[in-house]
PDB file of N, CA and C in Angstrom:
ATOM      1  N   UNK A   1       6.699 130.264  82.826  1.00  0.00           N
ATOM      2  CA  UNK A   1       6.082 130.411  84.351  1.00  0.00           C
ATOM      3  C   UNK A   1       7.120 129.549  85.279  1.00  0.00           C
ATOM      4  N   UNK A   2       7.491 130.642  86.080  1.00  0.00           N
ATOM      5  CA  UNK A   2       8.375 129.897  87.395  1.00  0.00           C
ATOM      6  C   UNK A   2       7.821 129.946  88.292  1.00  0.00           C
ATOM      7  N   UNK A   3       8.497 128.772  89.075  1.00  0.00           N
ATOM      8  CA  UNK A   3       8.351 128.667  90.437  1.00  0.00           C
ATOM      9  C   UNK A   3       8.472 128.919  91.112  1.00  0.00           C
ATOM     10  N   UNK A   4       8.033 129.196  93.058  1.00  0.00           N
ATOM     11  CA  UNK A   4       7.895 130.113  93.672  1.00  0.00           C
ATOM     12  C   UNK A   4       8.997 129.435  94.788  1.00  0.00           C
ATOM     13  N   UNK A   5       9.803 129.870  96.029  1.00  0.00           N
ATOM     14  CA  UNK A   5      10.521 128.394  96.915  1.00  0.00           C
ATOM     15  C   UNK A   5       9.819 128.071  97.491  1.00  0.00           C
ATOM     16  N   UNK A   6       9.882 126.674  97.276  1.00  0.00           N
ATOM     17  CA  UNK A   6       9.356 126.060  97.832  1.00  0.00           C
ATOM     18  C   UNK A   6       7.946 125.094  97.008  1.00  0.00           C
ATOM     19  N   UNK A   7       7.920 125.527  96.144  1.00  0.00           N
ATOM     20  CA  UNK A   7       6.880 125.234  95.534  1.00  0.00           C
ATOM     21  C   UNK A   7       7.023 124.149  94.453  1.00  0.00           C
ATOM     22  N   UNK A   8       8.136 124.431  93.829  1.00  0.00           N
ATOM     23  CA  UNK A   8       7.939 122.808  93.416  1.00  0.00           C
ATOM     24  C   UNK A   8       8.340 121.839  93.584  1.00  0.00           C
ATOM     25  N   UNK A   9       7.994 121.293  94.939  1.00  0.00           N
ATOM     26  CA  UNK A   9       7.755 120.360  95.309  1.00  0.00           C
ATOM     27  C   UNK A   9       5.776 120.052  96.315  1.00  0.00           C
ATOM     28  N   UNK A  10       5.418 120.952  95.655  1.00  0.00           N
ATOM     29  CA  UNK A  10       3.769 121.408  95.483  1.00  0.00           C
ATOM     30  C   UNK A  10       3.195 121.168  97.709  1.00  0.00           C
ATOM     31  N   UNK A  11       4.540 121.653  98.284  1.00  0.00           N
ATOM     32  CA  UNK A  11       3.800 121.804  99.653  1.00  0.00           C
ATOM     33  C   UNK A  11       3.062 122.425 100.288  1.00  0.00           C
ATOM     34  N   UNK A  12       2.593 123.359  99.402  1.00  0.00           N
ATOM     35  CA  UNK A  12       1.079 124.244  99.752  1.00  0.00           C
ATOM     36  C   UNK A  12      -0.089 124.057  99.096  1.00  0.00           C
ATOM     37  N   UNK A  13      -0.876 123.806  99.094  1.00  0.00           N
ATOM     38  CA  UNK A  13      -2.364 123.196  99.135  1.00  0.00           C
ATOM     39  C   UNK A  13      -3.415 124.401  99.415  1.00  0.00           C
ATOM     40  N   UNK A  14      -4.074 124.559  97.936  1.00  0.00           N
ATOM     41  CA  UNK A  14      -5.274 125.357  97.953  1.00  0.00           C
ATOM     42  C   UNK A  14      -6.480 125.041  97.736  1.00  0.00           C
ATOM     43  N   UNK A  15      -7.466 124.957  98.428  1.00  0.00           N
ATOM     44  CA  UNK A  15      -8.862 124.520  98.455  1.00  0.00           C
ATOM     45  C   UNK A  15     -10.014 125.391  97.581  1.00  0.00           C
ATOM     46  N   UNK A  16     -11.350 124.301  97.914  1.00  0.00           N
ATOM     47  CA  UNK A  16     -12.476 125.561  97.846  1.00  0.00           C
ATOM     48  C   UNK A  16     -12.472 126.071  98.371  1.00  0.00           C
ATOM     49  N   UNK A  17     -12.671 126.264  99.727  1.00  0.00           N
ATOM     50  CA  UNK A  17     -13.304 127.282 100.825  1.00  0.00           C
ATOM     51  C   UNK A  17     -12.139 128.190 100.469  1.00  0.00           C
ATOM     52  N   UNK A  18     -10.794 128.483 100.203  1.00  0.00           N
ATOM     53  CA  UNK A  18      -9.792 129.746  99.911  1.00  0.00           C
ATOM     54  C   UNK A  18     -10.255 130.583  98.943  1.00  0.00           C
ATOM     55  N   UNK A  19     -10.167 129.260  97.859  1.00  0.00           N
ATOM     56  CA  UNK A  19     -10.191 129.976  96.614  1.00  0.00           C
ATOM     57  C   UNK A  19     -11.969 130.278  96.073  1.00  0.00           C
ATOM     58  N   UNK A  20     -12.842 130.265  97.011  1.00  0.00           N
ATOM     59  CA  UNK A  20     -13.822 130.706  96.332  1.00  0.00           C
ATOM     60  C   UNK A  20     -14.945 129.434  95.301  1.00  0.00           C
ATOM     61  N   UNK A  21     -14.558 129.019  95.080  1.00  0.00           N
ATOM     62  CA  UNK A  21     -15.013 127.971  93.869  1.00  0.00           C
ATOM     63  C   UNK A  21     -13.965 126.642  93.907  1.00  0.00           C
ATOM     64  N   UNK A  22     -14.424 125.564  93.247  1.00  0.00           N
ATOM     65  CA  UNK A  22     -14.133 124.317  93.190  1.00  0.00           C
ATOM     66  C   UNK A  22     -12.934 124.348  92.652  1.00  0.00           C
ATOM     67  N   UNK A  23     -12.055 122.835  92.650  1.00  0.00           N
ATOM     68  CA  UNK A  23     -10.989 122.625  92.007  1.00  0.00           C
ATOM     69  C   UNK A  23     -11.265 121.980  90.572  1.00  0.00           C
ATOM     70  N   UNK A  24     -10.325 122.367  89.324  1.00  0.00           N
ATOM     71  CA  UNK A  24     -10.693 121.408  88.518  1.00  0.00           C
ATOM     72  C   UNK A  24     -10.167 120.046  88.948  1.00  0.00           C
ATOM     73  N   UNK A  25     -10.863 118.918  88.173  1.00  0.00           N
ATOM     74  CA  UNK A  25     -10.566 117.546  88.438  1.00  0.00           C
ATOM     75  C   UNK A  25      -9.393 117.398  88.386  1.00  0.00           C
ATOM     76  N   UNK A  26      -8.290 117.886  87.344  1.00  0.00           N
ATOM     77  CA  UNK A  26      -7.941 117.475  86.854  1.00  0.00           C
ATOM     78  C   UNK A  26      -5.895 118.763  87.055  1.00  0.00           C
ATOM     79  N   UNK A  27      -6.828 119.751  87.448  1.00  0.00           N
ATOM     80  CA  UNK A  27      -5.447 121.009  87.397  1.00  0.00           C
ATOM     81  C   UNK A  27      -6.561 122.053  87.753  1.00  0.00           C
ATOM     82  N   UNK A  28      -6.062 123.326  88.261  1.00  0.00           N
ATOM     83  CA  UNK A  28      -6.743 124.896  88.155  1.00  0.00           C
ATOM     84  C   UNK A  28      -5.520 125.631  87.999  1.00  0.00           C
ATOM     85  N   UNK A  29      -5.912 126.554  87.337  1.00  0.00           N
ATOM     86  CA  UNK A  29      -5.512 127.175  87.081  1.00  0.00           C
ATOM     87  C   UNK A  29      -6.334 129.010  87.608  1.00  0.00           C
ATOM     88  N   UNK A  30      -5.296 129.274  88.588  1.00  0.00           N
ATOM     89  CA  UNK A  30      -6.160 130.642  89.556  1.00  0.00           C
ATOM     90  C   UNK A  30      -5.434 131.838  89.053  1.00  0.00           C
ATOM     91  N   UNK A  31      -6.055 133.246  88.584  1.00  0.00           N
ATOM     92  CA  UNK A  31      -5.501 133.993  88.344  1.00  0.00           C
ATOM     93  C   UNK A  31      -5.756 135.081  90.001  1.00  0.00           C
ATOM     94  N   UNK A  32      -5.330 136.028  90.056  1.00  0.00           N
ATOM     95  CA  UNK A  32      -4.898 136.930  90.783  1.00  0.00           C
ATOM     96  C   UNK A  32      -4.754 138.258  90.057  1.00  0.00           C
ATOM     97  N   UNK A  33      -6.089 139.247  90.316  1.00  0.00           N
ATOM     98  CA  UNK A  33      -5.969 139.984  89.219  1.00  0.00           C
ATOM     99  C   UNK A  33      -6.281 141.451  90.377  1.00  0.00           C
ATOM    100  N   UNK A  34      -6.692 142.226  89.252  1.00  0.00           N
ATOM    101  CA  UNK A  34      -7.406 143.700  90.337  1.00  0.00           C
ATOM    102  C   UNK A  34      -8.039 144.593  89.104  1.00  0.00           C
ATOM    103  N   UNK A  35      -8.314 145.294  89.623  1.00  0.00           N
ATOM    104  CA  UNK A  35      -9.581 145.647  88.747  1.00  0.00           C
ATOM    105  C   UNK A  35      -8.983 147.156  87.482  1.00  0.00           C
ATOM    106  N   UNK A  36      -8.060 147.251  87.363  1.00  0.00           N
ATOM    107  CA  UNK A  36      -7.440 148.276  86.791  1.00  0.00           C
ATOM    108  C   UNK A  36      -6.652 148.159  86.324  1.00  0.00           C
ATOM    109  N   UNK A  37      -6.330 146.827  86.093  1.00  0.00           N
ATOM    110  CA  UNK A  37      -5.292 145.803  85.624  1.00  0.00           C
ATOM    111  C   UNK A  37      -5.100 145.562  83.941  1.00  0.00           C
ATOM    112  N   UNK A  38      -4.506 146.374  83.027  1.00  0.00           N
ATOM    113  CA  UNK A  38      -5.080 145.423  81.510  1.00  0.00           C
ATOM    114  C   UNK A  38      -4.479 144.099  81.740  1.00  0.00           C
ATOM    115  N   UNK A  39      -3.367 144.372  81.903  1.00  0.00           N
ATOM    116  CA  UNK A  39      -2.930 142.606  81.870  1.00  0.00           C
ATOM    117  C   UNK A  39      -3.738 141.756  81.926  1.00  0.00           C
ATOM    118  N   UNK A  40      -4.419 142.320  83.102  1.00  0.00           N
ATOM    119  CA  UNK A  40      -4.838 140.897  83.676  1.00  0.00           C
ATOM    120  C   UNK A  40      -5.976 140.260  82.820  1.00  0.00           C
ATOM    121  N   UNK A  41      -6.698 141.953  82.110  1.00  0.00           N
ATOM    122  CA  UNK A  41      -7.980 140.890  81.249  1.00  0.00           C
ATOM    123  C   UNK A  41      -7.013 139.262  79.916  1.00  0.00           C
ATOM    124  N   UNK A  42      -6.134 140.179  79.674  1.00  0.00           N
ATOM    125  CA  UNK A  42      -5.563 139.353  78.686  1.00  0.00           C
ATOM    126  C   UNK A  42      -4.862 137.929  78.619  1.00  0.00           C
ATOM    127  N   UNK A  43      -4.439 137.993  80.570  1.00  0.00           N
ATOM    128  CA  UNK A  43      -4.652 136.652  80.824  1.00  0.00           C
ATOM    129  C   UNK A  43      -5.936 136.219  81.157  1.00  0.00           C
ATOM    130  N   UNK A  44      -6.772 136.811  81.839  1.00  0.00           N
ATOM    131  CA  UNK A  44      -8.047 136.273  81.912  1.00  0.00           C
ATOM    132  C   UNK A  44      -8.511 135.700  80.424  1.00  0.00           C
ATOM    133  N   UNK A  45      -8.427 135.762  79.842  1.00  0.00           N
ATOM    134  CA  UNK A  45      -8.586 135.207  78.518  1.00  0.00           C
ATOM    135  C   UNK A  45      -7.870 134.119  77.960  1.00  0.00           C
ATOM    136  N   UNK A  46      -6.217 134.003  78.056  1.00  0.00           N
ATOM    137  CA  UNK A  46      -5.482 133.072  77.936  1.00  0.00           C
ATOM    138  C   UNK A  46      -5.885 132.148  78.669  1.00  0.00           C
ATOM    139  N   UNK A  47      -5.732 132.464  80.164  1.00  0.00           N
ATOM    140  CA  UNK A  47      -5.914 131.223  80.951  1.00  0.00           C
ATOM    141  C   UNK A  47      -8.000 130.473  80.333  1.00  0.00           C
ATOM    142  N   UNK A  48      -9.212 131.364  79.880  1.00  0.00           N
ATOM    143  CA  UNK A  48      -9.526 130.997  80.227  1.00  0.00           C
ATOM    144  C   UNK A  48      -9.526 129.871  79.012  1.00  0.00           C
ATOM    145  N   UNK A  49      -8.805 130.191  77.886  1.00  0.00           N
ATOM    146  CA  UNK A  49      -8.974 129.688  76.477  1.00  0.00           C
ATOM    147  C   UNK A  49      -8.172 128.215  77.072  1.00  0.00           C
ATOM    148  N   UNK A  50      -6.820 127.804  77.686  1.00  0.00           N
ATOM    149  CA  UNK A  50      -6.286 126.646  77.708  1.00  0.00           C
ATOM    150  C   UNK A  50      -7.441 126.229  79.063  1.00  0.00           C
ATOM    151  N   UNK A  51      -7.809 126.294  79.340  1.00  0.00           N
ATOM    152  CA  UNK A  51      -9.122 125.581  80.327  1.00  0.00           C
ATOM    153  C   UNK A  51      -9.933 124.945  79.896  1.00  0.00           C
ATOM    154  N   UNK A  52     -10.171 126.014  78.469  1.00  0.00           N
ATOM    155  CA  UNK A  52     -11.346 125.068  77.812  1.00  0.00           C
ATOM    156  C   UNK A  52     -11.002 124.190  76.821  1.00  0.00           C
ATOM    157  N   UNK A  53      -9.379 124.395  76.569  1.00  0.00           N
ATOM    158  CA  UNK A  53      -8.671 122.636  75.750  1.00  0.00           C
ATOM    159  C   UNK A  53      -8.935 121.648  76.466  1.00  0.00           C
ATOM    160  N   UNK A  54      -8.439 121.844  78.030  1.00  0.00           N
ATOM    161  CA  UNK A  54      -8.650 120.651  78.655  1.00  0.00           C
ATOM    162  C   UNK A  54      -9.579 120.189  79.932  1.00  0.00           C
ATOM    163  N   UNK A  55      -9.690 119.209  79.343  1.00  0.00           N
ATOM    164  CA  UNK A  55     -10.646 118.131  80.327  1.00  0.00           C
ATOM    165  C   UNK A  55     -10.373 118.548  82.036  1.00  0.00           C
ATOM    166  N   UNK A  56     -10.940 118.592  82.303  1.00  0.00           N
ATOM    167  CA  UNK A  56     -10.995 119.032  84.177  1.00  0.00           C
ATOM    168  C   UNK A  56     -10.092 119.482  84.232  1.00  0.00           C
ATOM    169  N   UNK A  57      -9.996 121.052  84.126  1.00  0.00           N
ATOM    170  CA  UNK A  57      -9.191 121.976  84.321  1.00  0.00           C
ATOM    171  C   UNK A  57      -9.840 123.093  84.527  1.00  0.00           C
ATOM    172  N   UNK A  58      -9.939 123.721  85.681  1.00  0.00           N
ATOM    173  CA  UNK A  58     -11.298 125.196  86.110  1.00  0.00           C
ATOM    174  C   UNK A  58      -9.764 126.187  86.200  1.00  0.00           C
ATOM    175  N   UNK A  59     -10.597 127.657  85.526  1.00  0.00           N
ATOM    176  CA  UNK A  59      -9.692 128.462  85.964  1.00  0.00           C
ATOM    177  C   UNK A  59     -10.433 129.284  86.865  1.00  0.00           C
ATOM    178  N   UNK A  60      -9.624 129.898  87.701  1.00  0.00           N
ATOM    179  CA  UNK A  60     -10.445 130.289  88.535  1.00  0.00           C
ATOM    180  C   UNK A  60      -9.878 131.979  88.827  1.00  0.00           C
ATOM    181  N   UNK A  61     -10.540 133.110  88.825  1.00  0.00           N
ATOM    182  CA  UNK A  61     -10.143 134.189  89.173  1.00  0.00           C
ATOM    183  C   UNK A  61     -10.353 135.079  90.732  1.00  0.00           C
ATOM    184  N   UNK A  62      -8.848 135.763  91.147  1.00  0.00           N
ATOM    185  CA  UNK A  62      -9.491 136.077  92.011  1.00  0.00           C
ATOM    186  C   UNK A  62      -9.169 137.228  92.604  1.00  0.00           C
ATOM    187  N   UNK A  63     -10.103 138.347  92.792  1.00  0.00           N
ATOM    188  CA  UNK A  63      -9.841 139.393  93.438  1.00  0.00           C
ATOM    189  C   UNK A  63      -9.041 140.530  93.965  1.00  0.00           C
ATOM    190  N   UNK A  64      -7.586 140.332  93.495  1.00  0.00           N
ATOM    191  CA  UNK A  64      -6.843 140.453  94.855  1.00  0.00           C
ATOM    192  C   UNK A  64      -7.178 141.785  95.708  1.00  0.00           C
ATOM    193  N   UNK A  65      -8.040 142.506  95.867  1.00  0.00           N
ATOM    194  CA  UNK A  65      -8.346 143.233  96.910  1.00  0.00           C
ATOM    195  C   UNK A  65      -9.294 142.888  97.957  1.00  0.00           C
ATOM    196  N   UNK A  66      -9.781 142.346  97.154  1.00  0.00           N
ATOM    197  CA  UNK A  66     -11.120 142.004  98.301  1.00  0.00           C
ATOM    198  C   UNK A  66     -10.534 140.359  99.085  1.00  0.00           C
ATOM    199  N   UNK A  67      -9.430 140.315  98.467  1.00  0.00           N
ATOM    200  CA  UNK A  67      -8.513 138.604  99.069  1.00  0.00           C
ATOM    201  C   UNK A  67      -7.356 138.919  99.921  1.00  0.00           C
ATOM    202  N   UNK A  68      -7.123 140.218 100.409  1.00  0.00           N
ATOM    203  CA  UNK A  68      -5.805 140.234 101.181  1.00  0.00           C
ATOM    204  C   UNK A  68      -5.030 139.712 101.711  1.00  0.00           C
ATOM    205  N   UNK A  69      -5.638 139.021 102.761  1.00  0.00           N
ATOM    206  CA  UNK A  69      -5.282 138.461 103.541  1.00  0.00           C
ATOM    207  C   UNK A  69      -4.327 136.963 102.820  1.00  0.00           C
ATOM    208  N   UNK A  70      -5.230 136.367 102.027  1.00  0.00           N
ATOM    209  CA  UNK A  70      -4.913 135.472 100.780  1.00  0.00           C
ATOM    210  C   UNK A  70      -3.326 135.964 100.449  1.00  0.00           C
ATOM    211  N   UNK A  71      -3.634 137.126  99.524  1.00  0.00           N
ATOM    212  CA  UNK A  71      -2.817 137.669  98.388  1.00  0.00           C
ATOM    213  C   UNK A  71      -1.480 137.792  99.668  1.00  0.00           C
ATOM    214  N   UNK A  72      -2.121 138.513 100.707  1.00  0.00           N
ATOM    215  CA  UNK A  72      -0.140 138.186 102.366  1.00  0.00           C
ATOM    216  C   UNK A  72       0.282 136.681 101.780  1.00  0.00           C
ATOM    217  N   UNK A  73      -0.549 135.537 102.373  1.00  0.00           N
ATOM    218  CA  UNK A  73      -0.091 134.699 102.718  1.00  0.00           C
ATOM    219  C   UNK A  73       0.702 133.638 101.703  1.00  0.00           C
ATOM    220  N   UNK A  74      -0.067 134.143 100.421  1.00  0.00           N
ATOM    221  CA  UNK A  74       0.517 133.735  99.464  1.00  0.00           C
ATOM    222  C   UNK A  74       1.972 134.481  98.723  1.00  0.00           C
ATOM    223  N   UNK A  75       2.084 135.323  99.363  1.00  0.00           N
ATOM    224  CA  UNK A  75       3.264 136.876  98.960  1.00  0.00           C
ATOM    225  C   UNK A  75       3.148 137.215  97.312  1.00  0.00           C
ATOM    226  N   UNK A  76       1.423 136.769  97.220  1.00  0.00           N
ATOM    227  CA  UNK A  76       1.502 137.831  95.555  1.00  0.00           C
ATOM    228  C   UNK A  76       1.568 139.142  95.610  1.00  0.00           C
ATOM    229  N   UNK A  77       3.390 140.047  94.485  1.00  0.00           N
ATOM    230  CA  UNK A  77       3.111 141.182  94.911  1.00  0.00           C
ATOM    231  C   UNK A  77       3.081 142.078  93.945  1.00  0.00           C
ATOM    232  N   UNK A  78       2.648 141.208  92.528  1.00  0.00           N
ATOM    233  CA  UNK A  78       1.618 142.021  91.320  1.00  0.00           C
ATOM    234  C   UNK A  78       0.376 141.439  90.802  1.00  0.00           C
ATOM    235  N   UNK A  79      -0.025 142.134  90.244  1.00  0.00           N
ATOM    236  CA  UNK A  79      -1.413 141.578  89.572  1.00  0.00           C
ATOM    237  C   UNK A  79      -0.988 141.719  88.103  1.00  0.00           C
ATOM    238  N   UNK A  80      -1.343 140.811  86.738  1.00  0.00           N
ATOM    239  CA  UNK A  80      -1.210 139.267  87.656  1.00  0.00           C
ATOM    240  C   UNK A  80      -0.246 138.447  87.983  1.00  0.00           C
ATOM    241  N   UNK A  81      -0.945 137.389  88.871  1.00  0.00           N
ATOM    242  CA  UNK A  81      -0.059 136.098  89.349  1.00  0.00           C
ATOM    243  C   UNK A  81      -1.032 135.252  89.001  1.00  0.00           C
ATOM    244  N   UNK A  82      -0.236 134.645  88.711  1.00  0.00           N
ATOM    245  CA  UNK A  82      -0.772 132.631  88.491  1.00  0.00           C
ATOM    246  C   UNK A  82      -0.847 132.270  89.157  1.00  0.00           C
ATOM    247  N   UNK A  83      -1.142 130.797  89.511  1.00  0.00           N
ATOM    248  CA  UNK A  83      -0.519 129.850  90.478  1.00  0.00           C
ATOM    249  C   UNK A  83      -1.619 128.815  89.605  1.00  0.00           C
ATOM    250  N   UNK A  84      -1.017 127.451  88.774  1.00  0.00           N
ATOM    251  CA  UNK A  84      -0.690 126.364  89.076  1.00  0.00           C
ATOM    252  C   UNK A  84      -1.190 125.330  89.476  1.00  0.00           C
ATOM    253  N   UNK A  85      -2.955 124.637  89.971  1.00  0.00           N
ATOM    254  CA  UNK A  85      -2.388 123.859  90.779  1.00  0.00           C
ATOM    255  C   UNK A  85      -2.504 122.564  90.168  1.00  0.00           C
ATOM    256  N   UNK A  86      -2.965 121.358  91.175  1.00  0.00           N
ATOM    257  CA  UNK A  86      -2.816 120.003  90.775  1.00  0.00           C
ATOM    258  C   UNK A  86      -4.033 119.243  91.084  1.00  0.00           C
ATOM    259  N   UNK A  87      -4.548 118.237  90.608  1.00  0.00           N
ATOM    260  CA  UNK A  87      -5.700 117.569  91.183  1.00  0.00           C
ATOM    261  C   UNK A  87      -5.833 117.699  92.977  1.00  0.00           C
ATOM    262  N   UNK A  88      -4.772 117.902  93.210  1.00  0.00           N
ATOM    263  CA  UNK A  88      -5.264 118.041  94.814  1.00  0.00           C
ATOM    264  C   UNK A  88      -5.022 119.374  95.236  1.00  0.00           C
ATOM    265  N   UNK A  89      -4.699 119.789  94.754  1.00  0.00           N
ATOM    266  CA  UNK A  89      -4.448 122.276  95.280  1.00  0.00           C
ATOM    267  C   UNK A  89      -3.190 122.498  95.543  1.00  0.00           C
ATOM    268  N   UNK A  90      -1.954 121.413  95.316  1.00  0.00           N
ATOM    269  CA  UNK A  90      -0.832 122.232  95.238  1.00  0.00           C
ATOM    270  C   UNK A  90       0.023 122.437  94.190  1.00  0.00           C
ATOM    271  N   UNK A  91       0.390 123.628  94.652  1.00  0.00           N
ATOM    272  CA  UNK A  91       0.464 124.636  93.775  1.00  0.00           C
ATOM    273  C   UNK A  91       2.180 123.846  92.786  1.00  0.00           C
ATOM    274  N   UNK A  92       2.177 123.925  91.746  1.00  0.00           N
ATOM    275  CA  UNK A  92       3.585 123.589  91.145  1.00  0.00           C
ATOM    276  C   UNK A  92       3.716 124.317  90.537  1.00  0.00           C
ATOM    277  N   UNK A  93       3.176 125.115  89.841  1.00  0.00           N
ATOM    278  CA  UNK A  93       4.064 127.084  89.573  1.00  0.00           C
ATOM    279  C   UNK A  93       3.089 128.172  89.877  1.00  0.00           C
ATOM    280  N   UNK A  94       3.857 129.246  89.523  1.00  0.00           N
ATOM    281  CA  UNK A  94       3.409 130.232  89.598  1.00  0.00           C
ATOM    282  C   UNK A  94       4.116 131.102  88.833  1.00  0.00           C
ATOM    283  N   UNK A  95       3.666 132.797  88.482  1.00  0.00           N
ATOM    284  CA  UNK A  95       4.193 133.598  87.468  1.00  0.00           C
ATOM    285  C   UNK A  95       3.663 134.986  87.467  1.00  0.00           C
ATOM    286  N   UNK A  96       4.588 135.674  87.565  1.00  0.00           N
ATOM    287  CA  UNK A  96       3.866 137.324  87.722  1.00  0.00           C
ATOM    288  C   UNK A  96       4.375 137.613  86.649  1.00  0.00           C
ATOM    289  N   UNK A  97       2.880 138.650  85.940  1.00  0.00           N
ATOM    290  CA  UNK A  97       3.038 139.024  84.560  1.00  0.00           C
ATOM    291  C   UNK A  97       2.345 138.163  84.112  1.00  0.00           C
ATOM    292  N   UNK A  98       1.636 138.609  82.606  1.00  0.00           N
ATOM    293  CA  UNK A  98       1.316 138.096  81.709  1.00  0.00           C
ATOM    294  C   UNK A  98       1.922 137.278  81.499  1.00  0.00           C
ATOM    295  N   UNK A  99       1.029 135.743  81.234  1.00  0.00           N
ATOM    296  CA  UNK A  99       1.842 134.475  80.793  1.00  0.00           C
ATOM    297  C   UNK A  99       1.895 134.751  79.085  1.00  0.00           C
ATOM    298  N   UNK A 100       2.163 133.862  78.797  1.00  0.00           N
ATOM    299  CA  UNK A 100       2.415 133.141  76.834  1.00  0.00           C
ATOM    300  C   UNK A 100       1.407 131.535  77.314  1.00  0.00           C
ATOM    301  N   UNK A 101       1.154 131.995  76.456  1.00  0.00           N
ATOM    302  CA  UNK A 101      -0.567 130.841  76.295  1.00  0.00           C
ATOM    303  C   UNK A 101       0.703 129.583  75.855  1.00  0.00           C
ATOM    304  N   UNK A 102       1.917 129.457  75.761  1.00  0.00           N
ATOM    305  CA  UNK A 102       2.600 128.335  75.663  1.00  0.00           C
ATOM    306  C   UNK A 102       3.046 127.848  77.122  1.00  0.00           C
ATOM    307  N   UNK A 103       3.895 128.936  77.516  1.00  0.00           N
ATOM    308  CA  UNK A 103       4.165 128.763  79.049  1.00  0.00           C
ATOM    309  C   UNK A 103       2.702 128.052  79.346  1.00  0.00           C
ATOM    310  N   UNK A 104       1.249 128.314  79.793  1.00  0.00           N
ATOM    311  CA  UNK A 104       0.802 127.886  80.506  1.00  0.00           C
ATOM    312  C   UNK A 104       0.430 126.639  80.426  1.00  0.00           C
ATOM    313  N   UNK A 105       0.160 125.934  78.691  1.00  0.00           N
ATOM    314  CA  UNK A 105       0.701 124.591  78.164  1.00  0.00           C
ATOM    315  C   UNK A 105       1.296 123.900  78.710  1.00  0.00           C
ATOM    316  N   UNK A 106       2.388 124.313  78.792  1.00  0.00           N
ATOM    317  CA  UNK A 106       3.566 123.817  79.671  1.00  0.00           C
ATOM    318  C   UNK A 106       3.405 123.924  81.240  1.00  0.00           C
ATOM    319  N   UNK A 107       3.041 125.063  81.990  1.00  0.00           N
ATOM    320  CA  UNK A 107       2.589 123.893  82.990  1.00  0.00           C
ATOM    321  C   UNK A 107       2.271 123.572  83.687  1.00  0.00           C
ATOM    322  N   UNK A 108       0.878 123.728  83.070  1.00  0.00           N
ATOM    323  CA  UNK A 108      -0.731 123.097  83.244  1.00  0.00           C
ATOM    324  C   UNK A 108       0.134 121.330  83.023  1.00  0.00           C
ATOM    325  N   UNK A 109       0.742 120.595  81.460  1.00  0.00           N
ATOM    326  CA  UNK A 109       1.379 119.496  81.612  1.00  0.00           C
ATOM    327  C   UNK A 109       2.335 118.596  83.092  1.00  0.00           C
ATOM    328  N   UNK A 110       2.960 120.174  83.313  1.00  0.00           N
ATOM    329  CA  UNK A 110       2.821 119.392  85.123  1.00  0.00           C
ATOM    330  C   UNK A 110       2.582 119.175  85.553  1.00  0.00           C
ATOM    331  N   UNK A 111       0.973 119.858  86.114  1.00  0.00           N
ATOM    332  CA  UNK A 111       0.876 120.268  86.426  1.00  0.00           C
ATOM    333  C   UNK A 111      -0.722 118.660  86.530  1.00  0.00           C
ATOM    334  N   UNK A 112      -0.948 118.271  84.971  1.00  0.00           N
ATOM    335  CA  UNK A 112      -1.388 116.991  85.264  1.00  0.00           C
ATOM    336  C   UNK A 112      -0.555 115.966  85.125  1.00  0.00           C
ATOM    337  N   UNK A 113       0.330 116.020  84.874  1.00  0.00           N
ATOM    338  CA  UNK A 113       1.637 114.888  84.698  1.00  0.00           C
ATOM    339  C   UNK A 113       2.138 114.123  86.141  1.00  0.00           C
ATOM    340  N   UNK A 114       1.676 115.352  87.281  1.00  0.00           N
ATOM    341  CA  UNK A 114       1.893 115.000  89.108  1.00  0.00           C
ATOM    342  C   UNK A 114       1.467 113.839  89.598  1.00  0.00           C
ATOM    343  N   UNK A 115       1.499 112.851  90.040  1.00  0.00           N
ATOM    344  CA  UNK A 115       0.599 111.312  90.215  1.00  0.00           C
ATOM    345  C   UNK A 115      -0.435 113.124  91.156  1.00  0.00           C
ATOM    346  N   UNK A 116      -1.436 112.301  91.789  1.00  0.00           N
ATOM    347  CA  UNK A 116      -2.513 113.016  92.816  1.00  0.00           C
ATOM    348  C   UNK A 116      -2.296 111.753  93.597  1.00  0.00           C
ATOM    349  N   UNK A 117      -1.586 112.733  94.684  1.00  0.00           N
ATOM    350  CA  UNK A 117      -1.257 111.626  96.293  1.00  0.00           C
ATOM    351  C   UNK A 117      -1.666 112.177  96.776  1.00  0.00           C
ATOM    352  N   UNK A 118      -2.615 111.763  98.234  1.00  0.00           N
ATOM    353  CA  UNK A 118      -3.331 112.287  99.504  1.00  0.00           C
ATOM    354  C   UNK A 118      -2.104 112.878 100.453  1.00  0.00           C
TER     355      UNK A 118
END
């Protein structure tokens, strides 16, 4: 998984109002998907599995077509796009395309390792 410009320092935050779901206690895996995206289905399974492995981690899937303003704001250019948020909703990693499970776990480790500062 790769960081986007300016996100490696967690400058951008997302909250429950923007995501349409509560943040995970420790981290949140946010997936932007579209209806006919085959890699989105595999990504959904991978992220749900990883979220189920770690207490306090939530998986939130967002339909990109239904949330165009957020897609534009976050510069989501393709589906699936995955954002890894820390406990405060800071974007610590992002990746476009279907991620490997090992990469998701590594990115999640970075998100939960960061100190939760307000």
